[in-house]
Amino acid sequence: MNSKKIEVFGKVQGVCFRYFTQQHALKLHVDGYAQNRMDGSVEILAYGQESDLSILIERINQGPPTSTVEEVVIEACNDRPLPGFRIL
């Protein structure tokens, strides 16, 4: 099991990006959270199997149809969130 901190930049607030992320994370059995940041980006903490995280990251790069993902920054971390995937 691995943890990733993911920062998503572009038109990612006000377009259901966090809910989109939550839906895919839950289907993939990935734990964590998605939250809006003051700078207009979305921060995601994702914890799960590496293969599931890779799929989630692919979907995050696409985003929902109403979004425009300009940049995704990913870094490994040691955080382990509570079970489930929350929108903060």
Protein backbone atom coordinates (compact mmCIF):
# COMPACT_ATOMS: atom_id res chain seq x y z
CA MET A 1 0.00 0.00 0.00
CA ASN A 2 1.23 3.46 -0.93
CA SER A 3 0.27 7.06 -0.25
CA LYS A 4 0.40 9.90 -2.74
CA LYS A 5 -0.19 13.59 -2.27
CA ILE A 6 -1.60 14.98 -5.50
CA GLU A 7 -2.04 18.67 -6.34
CA VAL A 8 -4.25 19.49 -9.31
CA PHE A 9 -4.12 22.89 -11.00
CA GLY A 10 -6.37 24.47 -13.62
CA LYS A 11 -10.12 24.92 -13.68
CA VAL A 12 -10.73 22.37 -10.93
CA GLN A 13 -12.98 24.17 -8.45
CA GLY A 14 -16.69 24.66 -9.00
CA VAL A 15 -16.77 21.82 -11.56
CA CYS A 16 -17.45 18.80 -9.28
CA PHE A 17 -13.79 17.75 -9.40
CA ARG A 18 -13.71 16.52 -5.79
CA TYR A 19 -16.88 14.46 -6.27
CA PHE A 20 -15.49 13.03 -9.52
CA THR A 21 -12.32 12.04 -7.65
CA GLN A 22 -14.30 10.54 -4.77
CA GLN A 23 -16.44 8.40 -7.11
CA HIS A 24 -13.39 6.93 -8.84
CA ALA A 25 -11.44 6.47 -5.59
CA LEU A 26 -14.30 4.55 -3.98
CA LYS A 27 -14.64 2.27 -7.03
CA LEU A 28 -10.90 1.56 -6.82
CA HIS A 29 -10.94 1.03 -3.01
CA VAL A 30 -8.57 3.98 -2.51
CA ASP A 31 -8.74 5.79 0.83
CA GLY A 32 -8.07 9.47 1.34
CA TYR A 33 -9.59 12.88 0.73
CA ALA A 34 -9.94 15.70 -1.76
CA GLN A 35 -10.10 19.33 -0.70
CA ASN A 36 -10.16 22.73 -2.35
CA ARG A 37 -7.21 24.99 -1.62
CA MET A 38 -7.19 28.76 -1.34
CA ASP A 39 -5.07 29.11 -4.51
CA GLY A 40 -7.81 27.50 -6.66
CA SER A 41 -6.19 24.06 -6.83
CA VAL A 42 -7.40 20.75 -5.40
CA GLU A 43 -5.31 18.71 -2.97
CA ILE A 44 -5.79 14.95 -2.88
CA LEU A 45 -4.36 12.39 -0.50
CA ALA A 46 -4.74 8.88 -1.91
CA TYR A 47 -3.80 5.63 -0.19
CA GLY A 48 -4.06 2.22 -1.81
CA GLN A 49 -2.48 -0.37 -4.09
CA GLU A 50 -0.02 1.13 -6.59
CA SER A 51 -2.04 -0.18 -9.56
CA ASP A 52 -5.23 1.45 -8.23
CA LEU A 53 -3.41 4.72 -7.55
CA SER A 54 -2.11 4.73 -11.12
CA ILE A 55 -5.63 4.36 -12.50
CA LEU A 56 -6.92 7.10 -10.18
CA ILE A 57 -4.12 9.43 -11.29
CA GLU A 58 -5.00 8.78 -14.96
CA ARG A 59 -8.60 9.75 -14.24
CA ILE A 60 -7.53 12.81 -12.25
CA ASN A 61 -5.46 13.94 -15.25
CA GLN A 62 -8.61 13.78 -17.38
CA GLY A 63 -10.98 15.23 -14.79
CA PRO A 64 -14.71 15.65 -15.26
CA PRO A 65 -15.89 17.13 -18.58
CA THR A 66 -16.46 20.56 -17.01
CA SER A 67 -12.87 20.85 -15.74
CA THR A 68 -9.60 21.83 -17.37
CA VAL A 69 -6.61 20.09 -15.78
CA GLU A 70 -3.46 22.09 -16.52
CA GLU A 71 -0.97 20.46 -14.16
CA VAL A 72 -0.84 17.52 -11.75
CA VAL A 73 1.95 17.33 -9.17
CA ILE A 74 2.42 13.99 -7.44
CA GLU A 75 4.67 13.13 -4.53
CA ALA A 76 4.99 10.05 -2.39
CA CYS A 77 4.20 10.50 1.29
CA ASN A 78 3.84 8.42 4.43
CA ASP A 79 0.36 9.60 5.45
CA ARG A 80 -2.31 6.98 5.97
CA PRO A 81 -5.82 8.44 6.01
CA LEU A 82 -8.88 6.98 7.69
CA PRO A 83 -10.74 4.32 5.70
CA GLY A 84 -12.99 5.64 2.93
CA PHE A 85 -12.61 8.68 0.71
CA ARG A 86 -13.83 12.04 1.97
CA ILE A 87 -14.47 15.43 0.49
CA LEU A 88 -13.18 18.13 2.81
